[in-house]
Amino acid sequence: VSTPAACPLYVLLVLRLDPQPQRHVCSNTSYLLREDGVVDRTKGYGTIHSTMYPPSGVRYVQVSAGRQATYLLRSDGLVDRSTGYGKVHSTIQASGSLMRTRSEDCIIS
């Protein structure tokens, strides 16, 4: 007898609405930050379309979704940028006094 896998505990939901009135559609993508620092991505109806794993040894601690890109703040202070398909396309590092060494020092509102 197999036991079902435990459902992940989500700590943050970020919804990106991308209205496209010229085509009479609305592209909705949601990012679900899990307690374990992994991000699940859904495009609707509760189906997880992709899972975004941070590099080994770090966790995602915040997510921000915009029309052109999604930004995932990592526990090491770096920011991963995705421009689609649940894939990280670049990693951004703040320079100078903006760089923080602890995620507790970062405030996103």
N, C-alpha and C. Protein backbone atom coordinates (compact mmCIF):
# COMPACT_ATOMS: atom_id res chain seq x y z
N VAL A 1 0.85 -1.17 0.00
CA VAL A 1 0.00 0.00 0.00
C VAL A 1 0.89 1.23 0.00
N SER A 2 0.67 2.11 -0.95
CA SER A 2 1.46 3.34 -1.01
C SER A 2 0.71 4.48 -0.35
N THR A 3 1.46 5.38 0.26
CA THR A 3 0.87 6.55 0.88
C THR A 3 1.03 7.73 -0.05
N PRO A 4 0.01 8.59 -0.14
CA PRO A 4 0.13 9.76 -1.01
C PRO A 4 1.18 10.72 -0.48
N ALA A 5 1.85 11.38 -1.40
CA ALA A 5 2.86 12.37 -1.01
C ALA A 5 2.18 13.55 -0.32
N ALA A 6 2.87 14.10 0.66
CA ALA A 6 2.32 15.25 1.39
C ALA A 6 2.25 16.46 0.46
N CYS A 7 1.20 17.21 0.59
CA CYS A 7 1.06 18.45 -0.19
C CYS A 7 2.01 19.50 0.37
N PRO A 8 2.62 20.30 -0.48
CA PRO A 8 3.52 21.34 0.02
C PRO A 8 2.74 22.43 0.75
N LEU A 9 3.40 23.06 1.71
CA LEU A 9 2.81 24.19 2.42
C LEU A 9 3.26 25.46 1.71
N TYR A 10 2.29 26.23 1.21
CA TYR A 10 2.60 27.47 0.51
C TYR A 10 2.57 28.64 1.49
N VAL A 11 3.56 29.54 1.38
CA VAL A 11 3.64 30.68 2.28
C VAL A 11 3.38 32.00 1.57
N LEU A 12 3.33 32.00 0.22
CA LEU A 12 3.10 33.23 -0.53
C LEU A 12 2.52 32.88 -1.89
N LEU A 13 1.55 33.66 -2.32
CA LEU A 13 0.96 33.53 -3.65
C LEU A 13 1.14 34.85 -4.37
N VAL A 14 1.72 34.82 -5.57
CA VAL A 14 1.88 36.01 -6.40
C VAL A 14 1.15 35.75 -7.70
N LEU A 15 0.21 36.60 -8.03
CA LEU A 15 -0.59 36.45 -9.25
C LEU A 15 -0.18 37.52 -10.24
N ARG A 16 0.11 37.09 -11.47
CA ARG A 16 0.42 38.04 -12.54
C ARG A 16 -0.72 38.01 -13.53
N LEU A 17 -1.39 39.14 -13.67
CA LEU A 17 -2.45 39.29 -14.67
C LEU A 17 -1.87 40.05 -15.85
N ASP A 18 -2.02 39.51 -17.01
CA ASP A 18 -1.48 40.14 -18.21
C ASP A 18 -2.61 40.29 -19.23
N PRO A 19 -3.43 41.33 -19.07
CA PRO A 19 -4.55 41.48 -20.01
C PRO A 19 -4.04 41.82 -21.41
N GLN A 20 -4.65 41.19 -22.37
CA GLN A 20 -4.31 41.44 -23.77
C GLN A 20 -5.61 41.74 -24.51
N PRO A 21 -6.12 42.96 -24.36
CA PRO A 21 -7.43 43.27 -24.92
C PRO A 21 -7.53 43.10 -26.44
N GLN A 22 -6.41 43.23 -27.13
CA GLN A 22 -6.47 43.09 -28.59
C GLN A 22 -6.82 41.66 -29.00
N ARG A 23 -6.55 40.68 -28.09
CA ARG A 23 -6.87 39.29 -28.42
C ARG A 23 -8.01 38.76 -27.55
N HIS A 24 -8.57 39.63 -26.70
CA HIS A 24 -9.68 39.26 -25.82
C HIS A 24 -9.34 38.06 -24.94
N VAL A 25 -8.09 38.03 -24.43
CA VAL A 25 -7.69 36.97 -23.52
C VAL A 25 -6.95 37.60 -22.34
N CYS A 26 -6.80 36.85 -21.31
CA CYS A 26 -6.04 37.30 -20.15
C CYS A 26 -5.12 36.16 -19.74
N SER A 27 -3.83 36.41 -19.78
CA SER A 27 -2.85 35.40 -19.43
C SER A 27 -2.55 35.50 -17.94
N ASN A 28 -2.99 34.53 -17.17
CA ASN A 28 -2.79 34.54 -15.73
C ASN A 28 -1.74 33.51 -15.35
N THR A 29 -0.73 33.94 -14.66
CA THR A 29 0.28 33.03 -14.15
C THR A 29 0.42 33.31 -12.66
N SER A 30 0.45 32.26 -11.86
CA SER A 30 0.62 32.41 -10.41
C SER A 30 1.90 31.72 -9.99
N TYR A 31 2.57 32.32 -9.03
CA TYR A 31 3.78 31.76 -8.46
C TYR A 31 3.50 31.48 -7.00
N LEU A 32 3.76 30.25 -6.58
CA LEU A 32 3.47 29.81 -5.22
C LEU A 32 4.78 29.49 -4.52
N LEU A 33 5.15 30.33 -3.55
CA LEU A 33 6.38 30.10 -2.79
C LEU A 33 6.10 29.07 -1.71
N ARG A 34 6.85 27.99 -1.75
CA ARG A 34 6.66 26.91 -0.79
C ARG A 34 7.51 27.13 0.46
N GLU A 35 7.12 26.50 1.53
CA GLU A 35 7.83 26.60 2.80
C GLU A 35 9.29 26.15 2.68
N ASP A 36 9.56 25.24 1.75
CA ASP A 36 10.93 24.74 1.58
C ASP A 36 11.79 25.61 0.67
N GLY A 37 11.26 26.79 0.24
CA GLY A 37 12.04 27.72 -0.57
C GLY A 37 12.01 27.44 -2.05
N VAL A 38 11.14 26.57 -2.50
CA VAL A 38 10.97 26.24 -3.91
C VAL A 38 9.72 26.96 -4.40
N VAL A 39 9.66 27.31 -5.68
CA VAL A 39 8.51 28.03 -6.24
C VAL A 39 7.81 27.15 -7.28
N ASP A 40 6.50 26.96 -7.08
CA ASP A 40 5.68 26.28 -8.07
C ASP A 40 5.00 27.34 -8.94
N ARG A 41 4.87 27.05 -10.23
CA ARG A 41 4.28 27.99 -11.19
C ARG A 41 3.05 27.33 -11.81
N THR A 42 1.95 28.06 -11.81
CA THR A 42 0.73 27.54 -12.40
C THR A 42 0.19 28.56 -13.39
N LYS A 43 -0.47 28.05 -14.42
CA LYS A 43 -1.09 28.92 -15.42
C LYS A 43 -2.60 28.80 -15.36
N GLY A 44 -3.10 28.22 -14.28
CA GLY A 44 -4.54 28.16 -14.09
C GLY A 44 -5.07 26.80 -13.72
N TYR A 45 -6.26 26.81 -13.17
CA TYR A 45 -7.01 25.61 -12.82
C TYR A 45 -6.30 24.71 -11.81
N GLY A 46 -5.37 25.28 -11.02
CA GLY A 46 -4.72 24.52 -9.96
C GLY A 46 -3.66 23.53 -10.40
N THR A 47 -3.34 23.54 -11.68
CA THR A 47 -2.33 22.62 -12.20
C THR A 47 -0.95 23.26 -12.13
N ILE A 48 0.00 22.58 -11.49
CA ILE A 48 1.37 23.08 -11.44
C ILE A 48 2.03 22.76 -12.78
N HIS A 49 2.45 23.82 -13.49
CA HIS A 49 3.06 23.64 -14.81
C HIS A 49 4.57 23.49 -14.75
N SER A 50 5.19 24.09 -13.73
CA SER A 50 6.63 23.94 -13.57
C SER A 50 7.00 24.26 -12.13
N THR A 51 8.15 23.76 -11.72
CA THR A 51 8.67 24.02 -10.39
C THR A 51 10.05 24.63 -10.56
N MET A 52 10.29 25.74 -9.85
CA MET A 52 11.55 26.47 -9.96
C MET A 52 12.36 26.21 -8.69
N TYR A 53 13.49 25.52 -8.86
CA TYR A 53 14.34 25.17 -7.74
C TYR A 53 15.49 26.17 -7.64
N PRO A 54 15.77 26.69 -6.44
CA PRO A 54 16.93 27.57 -6.29
C PRO A 54 18.21 26.73 -6.34
N PRO A 55 19.34 27.39 -6.49
CA PRO A 55 20.61 26.64 -6.46
C PRO A 55 20.79 25.94 -5.11
N SER A 56 21.59 24.94 -5.10
CA SER A 56 21.85 24.17 -3.89
C SER A 56 22.35 25.09 -2.76
N GLY A 57 21.80 24.90 -1.57
CA GLY A 57 22.25 25.66 -0.40
C GLY A 57 21.51 26.96 -0.16
N VAL A 58 20.63 27.38 -1.08
CA VAL A 58 19.85 28.60 -0.88
C VAL A 58 18.37 28.30 -1.07
N ARG A 59 17.54 29.25 -0.66
CA ARG A 59 16.09 29.13 -0.80
C ARG A 59 15.56 30.41 -1.43
N TYR A 60 14.43 30.32 -2.09
CA TYR A 60 13.74 31.53 -2.50
C TYR A 60 12.96 32.03 -1.29
N VAL A 61 13.01 33.35 -1.07
CA VAL A 61 12.34 33.93 0.10
C VAL A 61 11.26 34.93 -0.28
N GLN A 62 11.22 35.36 -1.56
CA GLN A 62 10.23 36.32 -2.03
C GLN A 62 10.11 36.20 -3.54
N VAL A 63 8.94 36.52 -4.07
CA VAL A 63 8.69 36.47 -5.51
C VAL A 63 7.95 37.73 -5.92
N SER A 64 8.32 38.28 -7.07
CA SER A 64 7.62 39.43 -7.63
C SER A 64 7.41 39.15 -9.12
N ALA A 65 6.17 39.26 -9.58
CA ALA A 65 5.87 38.95 -10.98
C ALA A 65 5.37 40.20 -11.69
N GLY A 66 5.96 40.47 -12.84
CA GLY A 66 5.54 41.61 -13.66
C GLY A 66 5.15 41.13 -15.05
N ARG A 67 4.86 42.07 -15.90
CA ARG A 67 4.41 41.74 -17.24
C ARG A 67 5.52 41.13 -18.10
N GLN A 68 6.74 41.60 -17.94
CA GLN A 68 7.85 41.13 -18.77
C GLN A 68 8.75 40.11 -18.08
N ALA A 69 8.77 40.10 -16.73
CA ALA A 69 9.69 39.21 -16.03
C ALA A 69 9.19 38.92 -14.62
N THR A 70 9.74 37.85 -14.07
CA THR A 70 9.48 37.47 -12.68
C THR A 70 10.82 37.48 -11.97
N TYR A 71 10.82 38.00 -10.74
CA TYR A 71 12.05 38.09 -9.95
C TYR A 71 11.89 37.25 -8.69
N LEU A 72 12.90 36.44 -8.41
CA LEU A 72 12.88 35.56 -7.25
C LEU A 72 14.07 35.89 -6.35
N LEU A 73 13.78 36.43 -5.17
CA LEU A 73 14.83 36.79 -4.23
C LEU A 73 15.30 35.54 -3.51
N ARG A 74 16.61 35.35 -3.51
CA ARG A 74 17.21 34.17 -2.87
C ARG A 74 17.70 34.52 -1.47
N SER A 75 17.85 33.51 -0.64
CA SER A 75 18.30 33.72 0.74
C SER A 75 19.74 34.23 0.82
N ASP A 76 20.51 34.13 -0.26
CA ASP A 76 21.87 34.67 -0.27
C ASP A 76 21.92 36.11 -0.77
N GLY A 77 20.75 36.72 -1.02
CA GLY A 77 20.69 38.12 -1.44
C GLY A 77 20.70 38.33 -2.94
N LEU A 78 20.97 37.30 -3.72
CA LEU A 78 20.93 37.43 -5.17
C LEU A 78 19.49 37.30 -5.65
N VAL A 79 19.24 37.81 -6.86
CA VAL A 79 17.90 37.77 -7.43
C VAL A 79 17.95 37.03 -8.76
N ASP A 80 17.14 35.99 -8.88
CA ASP A 80 17.02 35.27 -10.15
C ASP A 80 15.90 35.92 -10.97
N ARG A 81 16.14 36.08 -12.28
CA ARG A 81 15.17 36.70 -13.18
C ARG A 81 14.71 35.68 -14.21
N SER A 82 13.40 35.58 -14.36
CA SER A 82 12.82 34.67 -15.35
C SER A 82 11.98 35.49 -16.32
N THR A 83 12.15 35.21 -17.60
CA THR A 83 11.33 35.90 -18.61
C THR A 83 10.34 34.96 -19.26
N GLY A 84 10.16 33.80 -18.67
CA GLY A 84 9.14 32.89 -19.16
C GLY A 84 9.45 31.43 -18.98
N TYR A 85 8.41 30.63 -19.06
CA TYR A 85 8.48 29.18 -19.07
C TYR A 85 9.03 28.58 -17.77
N GLY A 86 9.03 29.35 -16.68
CA GLY A 86 9.50 28.82 -15.40
C GLY A 86 10.98 28.56 -15.35
N LYS A 87 11.75 29.23 -16.21
CA LYS A 87 13.20 29.05 -16.27
C LYS A 87 13.89 30.33 -15.82
N VAL A 88 14.98 30.18 -15.07
CA VAL A 88 15.80 31.32 -14.67
C VAL A 88 16.70 31.67 -15.84
N HIS A 89 16.64 32.94 -16.29
CA HIS A 89 17.44 33.37 -17.43
C HIS A 89 18.66 34.18 -17.04
N SER A 90 18.64 34.77 -15.83
CA SER A 90 19.81 35.50 -15.36
C SER A 90 19.73 35.67 -13.85
N THR A 91 20.87 35.97 -13.26
CA THR A 91 20.95 36.24 -11.82
C THR A 91 21.54 37.62 -11.64
N ILE A 92 20.91 38.40 -10.78
CA ILE A 92 21.28 39.79 -10.57
C ILE A 92 21.90 39.94 -9.19
N GLN A 93 23.00 40.69 -9.12
CA GLN A 93 23.64 40.99 -7.84
C GLN A 93 23.66 42.50 -7.66
N ALA A 94 23.18 42.94 -6.52
CA ALA A 94 23.22 44.38 -6.22
C ALA A 94 24.67 44.79 -6.02
N SER A 95 24.97 46.02 -6.33
CA SER A 95 26.35 46.49 -6.18
C SER A 95 26.45 47.48 -5.04
N GLY A 96 27.64 47.62 -4.50
CA GLY A 96 27.91 48.61 -3.46
C GLY A 96 27.09 48.42 -2.21
N SER A 97 26.57 49.53 -1.69
CA SER A 97 25.87 49.50 -0.42
C SER A 97 24.50 48.84 -0.51
N LEU A 98 24.02 48.57 -1.72
CA LEU A 98 22.73 47.91 -1.85
C LEU A 98 22.80 46.42 -1.56
N MET A 99 24.00 45.84 -1.65
CA MET A 99 24.15 44.40 -1.44
C MET A 99 23.99 44.06 0.03
N ARG A 100 23.13 43.10 0.32
CA ARG A 100 22.92 42.62 1.68
C ARG A 100 23.46 41.20 1.77
N THR A 101 23.90 40.82 2.94
CA THR A 101 24.42 39.47 3.10
C THR A 101 23.44 38.53 3.76
N ARG A 102 22.36 39.07 4.34
CA ARG A 102 21.36 38.22 4.98
C ARG A 102 20.00 38.56 4.42
N SER A 103 19.17 37.55 4.19
CA SER A 103 17.84 37.80 3.65
C SER A 103 16.97 38.56 4.65
N GLU A 104 17.29 38.47 5.96
CA GLU A 104 16.51 39.19 6.96
C GLU A 104 16.65 40.71 6.79
N ASP A 105 17.76 41.15 6.15
CA ASP A 105 17.98 42.58 5.95
C ASP A 105 17.19 43.14 4.76
N CYS A 106 16.66 42.28 3.92
CA CYS A 106 15.96 42.71 2.72
C CYS A 106 14.49 42.98 3.02
N ILE A 107 14.00 44.12 2.58
CA ILE A 107 12.61 44.47 2.77
C ILE A 107 12.01 44.70 1.40
N ILE A 108 10.96 43.96 1.10
CA ILE A 108 10.26 44.12 -0.17
C ILE A 108 8.81 44.44 0.14
N SER A 109 8.33 45.52 -0.41
CA SER A 109 6.92 45.87 -0.16
C SER A 109 6.21 46.06 -1.47
